[in-house]
């Protein structure tokens, strides 16, 4: 894990909201949908996605609690393997 990922808001971008390309970005430890909302004068606008969906990379503890509670993964080890795959593929 890089120093950038040790703080909330790691900025990682990866597919999350149903696209085959990176459509989620981490801002302040939560995922935002890069395909939603209207662009501001700088061309940047993200809508909050996932009803407060924590980032698996920098907000791992909260993310694990949520995905285990929602039974998105069979085990915590499966969830962490998914998180590690995101880091390996999409981190700088």
N, C-alpha and C. Protein backbone atom coordinates (compact mmCIF):
# COMPACT_ATOMS: atom_id res chain seq x y z
N UNK A 1 0.85 -1.17 0.00
CA UNK A 1 0.00 0.00 0.00
C UNK A 1 0.90 1.24 0.00
N UNK A 2 0.58 2.18 -0.86
CA UNK A 2 1.39 3.39 -0.95
C UNK A 2 1.00 4.38 0.14
N UNK A 3 1.86 5.38 0.36
CA UNK A 3 1.54 6.42 1.34
C UNK A 3 0.23 7.11 0.99
N UNK A 4 -0.01 7.27 -0.31
CA UNK A 4 -1.24 7.92 -0.78
C UNK A 4 -2.47 7.16 -0.30
N UNK A 5 -2.39 5.85 -0.22
CA UNK A 5 -3.53 5.02 0.14
C UNK A 5 -3.71 4.89 1.65
N UNK A 6 -2.79 5.38 2.45
CA UNK A 6 -2.90 5.27 3.89
C UNK A 6 -3.85 6.31 4.48
N UNK A 7 -4.17 7.34 3.71
CA UNK A 7 -5.10 8.36 4.19
C UNK A 7 -6.41 8.21 3.45
N UNK A 8 -7.50 8.67 4.07
CA UNK A 8 -8.79 8.60 3.39
C UNK A 8 -8.76 9.53 2.19
N UNK A 9 -9.31 9.04 1.11
CA UNK A 9 -9.35 9.83 -0.11
C UNK A 9 -8.14 9.54 -0.98
N UNK A 10 -7.92 8.27 -1.27
CA UNK A 10 -6.73 7.88 -2.02
C UNK A 10 -6.79 8.25 -3.49
N UNK A 11 -7.97 8.57 -4.02
CA UNK A 11 -8.07 9.00 -5.41
C UNK A 11 -8.06 7.87 -6.43
N UNK A 12 -8.04 6.63 -5.97
CA UNK A 12 -8.01 5.51 -6.91
C UNK A 12 -9.26 5.53 -7.79
N UNK A 13 -9.10 5.15 -9.03
CA UNK A 13 -10.21 5.03 -9.97
C UNK A 13 -10.26 3.58 -10.45
N UNK A 14 -11.46 2.98 -10.42
CA UNK A 14 -11.62 1.60 -10.86
C UNK A 14 -13.08 1.35 -11.21
N UNK A 15 -13.37 0.28 -11.96
CA UNK A 15 -14.77 -0.04 -12.28
C UNK A 15 -15.52 -0.45 -11.02
N UNK A 16 -16.65 0.17 -10.79
CA UNK A 16 -17.45 -0.20 -9.62
C UNK A 16 -18.95 -0.08 -9.87
N UNK A 17 -19.37 0.92 -10.62
CA UNK A 17 -20.79 1.19 -10.79
C UNK A 17 -21.35 0.58 -12.06
N UNK A 18 -20.80 -0.56 -12.48
CA UNK A 18 -21.36 -1.31 -13.59
C UNK A 18 -20.66 -1.15 -14.92
N UNK A 19 -19.70 -0.27 -15.02
CA UNK A 19 -18.98 -0.08 -16.28
C UNK A 19 -17.81 -1.06 -16.38
N UNK A 20 -17.32 -1.25 -17.59
CA UNK A 20 -16.15 -2.11 -17.79
C UNK A 20 -14.86 -1.29 -17.70
N UNK A 21 -14.98 0.00 -17.51
CA UNK A 21 -13.85 0.92 -17.39
C UNK A 21 -13.96 1.60 -16.01
N UNK A 22 -12.90 2.26 -15.57
CA UNK A 22 -12.99 2.94 -14.28
C UNK A 22 -14.10 4.00 -14.26
N UNK A 23 -15.10 3.76 -13.43
CA UNK A 23 -16.23 4.69 -13.33
C UNK A 23 -16.43 5.19 -11.89
N UNK A 24 -15.55 4.80 -10.99
CA UNK A 24 -15.62 5.24 -9.60
C UNK A 24 -14.30 5.88 -9.21
N UNK A 25 -14.38 6.90 -8.40
CA UNK A 25 -13.19 7.54 -7.86
C UNK A 25 -13.37 7.71 -6.36
N UNK A 26 -12.30 7.53 -5.61
CA UNK A 26 -12.35 7.69 -4.16
C UNK A 26 -12.08 9.15 -3.82
N UNK A 27 -13.04 9.74 -3.10
CA UNK A 27 -12.90 11.09 -2.58
C UNK A 27 -13.26 11.02 -1.10
N UNK A 28 -12.34 11.41 -0.26
CA UNK A 28 -12.56 11.40 1.20
C UNK A 28 -12.96 10.03 1.72
N UNK A 29 -12.45 8.96 1.11
CA UNK A 29 -12.68 7.61 1.62
C UNK A 29 -13.95 6.94 1.14
N UNK A 30 -14.69 7.61 0.23
CA UNK A 30 -15.93 7.05 -0.31
C UNK A 30 -15.92 7.12 -1.83
N UNK A 31 -16.66 6.20 -2.46
CA UNK A 31 -16.66 6.12 -3.92
C UNK A 31 -17.69 7.07 -4.52
N UNK A 32 -17.27 7.77 -5.55
CA UNK A 32 -18.12 8.70 -6.30
C UNK A 32 -18.20 8.21 -7.73
N UNK A 33 -19.36 8.36 -8.33
CA UNK A 33 -19.63 7.89 -9.69
C UNK A 33 -19.16 8.95 -10.69
N UNK A 34 -18.16 8.60 -11.49
CA UNK A 34 -17.59 9.54 -12.45
C UNK A 34 -18.47 9.72 -13.68
N UNK A 35 -19.47 8.89 -13.86
CA UNK A 35 -20.35 8.99 -15.02
C UNK A 35 -21.65 9.74 -14.73
N UNK A 36 -21.80 10.24 -13.53
CA UNK A 36 -23.05 10.90 -13.15
C UNK A 36 -22.82 12.38 -12.87
N UNK A 37 -23.87 13.10 -12.92
CA UNK A 37 -23.81 14.52 -12.62
C UNK A 37 -23.44 15.33 -13.85
N UNK A 38 -23.46 16.64 -13.68
CA UNK A 38 -23.12 17.55 -14.76
C UNK A 38 -21.77 18.17 -14.47
N UNK A 39 -21.01 18.41 -15.51
CA UNK A 39 -19.67 18.96 -15.36
C UNK A 39 -19.73 20.44 -14.97
N UNK A 40 -18.79 20.85 -14.11
CA UNK A 40 -18.67 22.26 -13.78
C UNK A 40 -17.80 22.95 -14.83
N UNK A 41 -17.42 24.20 -14.59
CA UNK A 41 -16.63 24.93 -15.59
C UNK A 41 -15.29 24.28 -15.88
N UNK A 42 -14.77 23.49 -14.96
CA UNK A 42 -13.52 22.76 -15.17
C UNK A 42 -13.73 21.41 -15.83
N UNK A 43 -15.00 21.05 -16.06
CA UNK A 43 -15.31 19.77 -16.67
C UNK A 43 -15.31 18.61 -15.70
N UNK A 44 -15.30 18.91 -14.40
CA UNK A 44 -15.25 17.85 -13.39
C UNK A 44 -16.49 17.92 -12.51
N UNK A 45 -17.17 16.80 -12.40
CA UNK A 45 -18.31 16.69 -11.48
C UNK A 45 -18.60 15.23 -11.26
N UNK A 46 -18.67 14.85 -10.01
CA UNK A 46 -19.00 13.47 -9.67
C UNK A 46 -20.20 13.49 -8.75
N UNK A 47 -21.09 12.54 -8.93
CA UNK A 47 -22.18 12.42 -7.97
C UNK A 47 -21.82 11.34 -6.98
N UNK A 48 -22.31 11.52 -5.77
CA UNK A 48 -22.03 10.56 -4.72
C UNK A 48 -22.71 9.25 -5.09
N UNK A 49 -21.98 8.20 -5.13
CA UNK A 49 -22.54 6.91 -5.53
C UNK A 49 -22.57 5.91 -4.40
N UNK A 50 -23.39 4.92 -4.56
CA UNK A 50 -23.37 3.78 -3.66
C UNK A 50 -23.89 4.03 -2.27
N UNK A 51 -24.63 5.11 -2.06
CA UNK A 51 -25.18 5.41 -0.73
C UNK A 51 -24.12 5.36 0.36
N UNK A 52 -23.03 6.04 0.14
CA UNK A 52 -21.97 6.06 1.14
C UNK A 52 -21.08 4.84 1.07
N UNK A 53 -20.83 4.33 -0.11
CA UNK A 53 -20.03 3.13 -0.27
C UNK A 53 -18.57 3.43 0.03
N UNK A 54 -18.01 2.84 1.07
CA UNK A 54 -16.62 3.10 1.44
C UNK A 54 -15.64 2.58 0.39
N UNK A 55 -14.51 3.25 0.29
CA UNK A 55 -13.46 2.81 -0.62
C UNK A 55 -12.79 1.56 -0.04
N UNK A 56 -12.67 0.50 -0.84
CA UNK A 56 -12.02 -0.70 -0.33
C UNK A 56 -10.52 -0.52 -0.11
N UNK A 57 -9.92 0.47 -0.75
CA UNK A 57 -8.47 0.66 -0.67
C UNK A 57 -8.05 1.44 0.57
N UNK A 58 -8.66 2.60 0.80
CA UNK A 58 -8.20 3.44 1.92
C UNK A 58 -9.16 3.45 3.10
N UNK A 59 -10.36 2.94 2.91
CA UNK A 59 -11.36 2.88 3.99
C UNK A 59 -11.75 1.41 4.18
N UNK A 60 -10.73 0.57 4.23
CA UNK A 60 -10.92 -0.88 4.20
C UNK A 60 -11.77 -1.39 5.35
N UNK A 61 -11.55 -0.89 6.56
CA UNK A 61 -12.29 -1.40 7.72
C UNK A 61 -13.79 -1.19 7.53
N UNK A 62 -14.19 0.01 7.16
CA UNK A 62 -15.62 0.29 6.96
C UNK A 62 -16.16 -0.49 5.77
N UNK A 63 -15.36 -0.57 4.70
CA UNK A 63 -15.77 -1.32 3.51
C UNK A 63 -15.99 -2.79 3.86
N UNK A 64 -15.06 -3.39 4.62
CA UNK A 64 -15.20 -4.80 5.01
C UNK A 64 -16.48 -5.02 5.81
N UNK A 65 -16.74 -4.14 6.76
CA UNK A 65 -17.96 -4.27 7.56
C UNK A 65 -19.20 -4.27 6.66
N UNK A 66 -19.20 -3.36 5.68
CA UNK A 66 -20.37 -3.25 4.80
C UNK A 66 -20.52 -4.46 3.89
N UNK A 67 -19.44 -4.90 3.25
CA UNK A 67 -19.59 -6.00 2.30
C UNK A 67 -19.85 -7.33 3.00
N UNK A 68 -19.33 -7.50 4.20
CA UNK A 68 -19.61 -8.73 4.95
C UNK A 68 -21.07 -8.71 5.41
N UNK A 69 -21.53 -7.56 5.91
CA UNK A 69 -22.93 -7.44 6.35
C UNK A 69 -23.89 -7.68 5.18
N UNK A 70 -23.55 -7.17 4.01
CA UNK A 70 -24.40 -7.32 2.83
C UNK A 70 -24.17 -8.64 2.08
N UNK A 71 -23.28 -9.46 2.61
CA UNK A 71 -22.96 -10.78 2.04
C UNK A 71 -22.54 -10.69 0.57
N UNK A 72 -21.71 -9.67 0.27
CA UNK A 72 -21.20 -9.50 -1.09
C UNK A 72 -20.05 -10.46 -1.39
N UNK A 73 -19.41 -10.95 -0.35
CA UNK A 73 -18.33 -11.93 -0.48
C UNK A 73 -18.61 -13.05 0.51
N UNK A 74 -18.14 -14.24 0.18
CA UNK A 74 -18.38 -15.38 1.08
C UNK A 74 -17.56 -15.27 2.36
N UNK A 75 -16.32 -14.77 2.22
CA UNK A 75 -15.45 -14.66 3.39
C UNK A 75 -14.72 -13.32 3.37
N UNK A 76 -14.18 -12.94 4.51
CA UNK A 76 -13.35 -11.74 4.59
C UNK A 76 -12.12 -11.89 3.69
N UNK A 77 -11.56 -13.09 3.64
CA UNK A 77 -10.39 -13.33 2.78
C UNK A 77 -10.72 -13.08 1.31
N UNK A 78 -11.92 -13.48 0.87
CA UNK A 78 -12.35 -13.22 -0.51
C UNK A 78 -12.45 -11.72 -0.76
N UNK A 79 -13.00 -10.99 0.20
CA UNK A 79 -13.13 -9.54 0.07
C UNK A 79 -11.76 -8.88 -0.02
N UNK A 80 -10.85 -9.30 0.83
CA UNK A 80 -9.51 -8.72 0.81
C UNK A 80 -8.74 -9.07 -0.46
N UNK A 81 -8.99 -10.25 -1.01
CA UNK A 81 -8.37 -10.63 -2.28
C UNK A 81 -8.88 -9.72 -3.40
N UNK A 82 -10.17 -9.39 -3.38
CA UNK A 82 -10.74 -8.46 -4.35
C UNK A 82 -10.10 -7.08 -4.21
N UNK A 83 -9.99 -6.61 -2.97
CA UNK A 83 -9.35 -5.31 -2.72
C UNK A 83 -7.91 -5.31 -3.23
N UNK A 84 -7.17 -6.37 -2.96
CA UNK A 84 -5.78 -6.46 -3.42
C UNK A 84 -5.69 -6.45 -4.94
N UNK A 85 -6.64 -7.09 -5.60
CA UNK A 85 -6.66 -7.09 -7.07
C UNK A 85 -6.89 -5.68 -7.61
N UNK A 86 -7.76 -4.91 -6.95
CA UNK A 86 -7.98 -3.52 -7.35
C UNK A 86 -6.68 -2.72 -7.21
N UNK A 87 -6.03 -2.87 -6.07
CA UNK A 87 -4.78 -2.15 -5.83
C UNK A 87 -3.75 -2.51 -6.88
N UNK A 88 -3.60 -3.81 -7.15
CA UNK A 88 -2.58 -4.25 -8.12
C UNK A 88 -2.86 -3.75 -9.52
N UNK A 89 -4.12 -3.68 -9.91
CA UNK A 89 -4.45 -3.30 -11.27
C UNK A 89 -4.57 -1.79 -11.47
N UNK A 90 -5.08 -1.07 -10.47
CA UNK A 90 -5.44 0.34 -10.71
C UNK A 90 -4.63 1.37 -9.92
N UNK A 91 -3.74 0.94 -9.04
CA UNK A 91 -2.91 1.91 -8.30
C UNK A 91 -1.76 2.38 -9.14
N UNK A 92 -1.35 3.60 -8.84
CA UNK A 92 -0.17 4.17 -9.53
C UNK A 92 1.10 3.53 -9.04
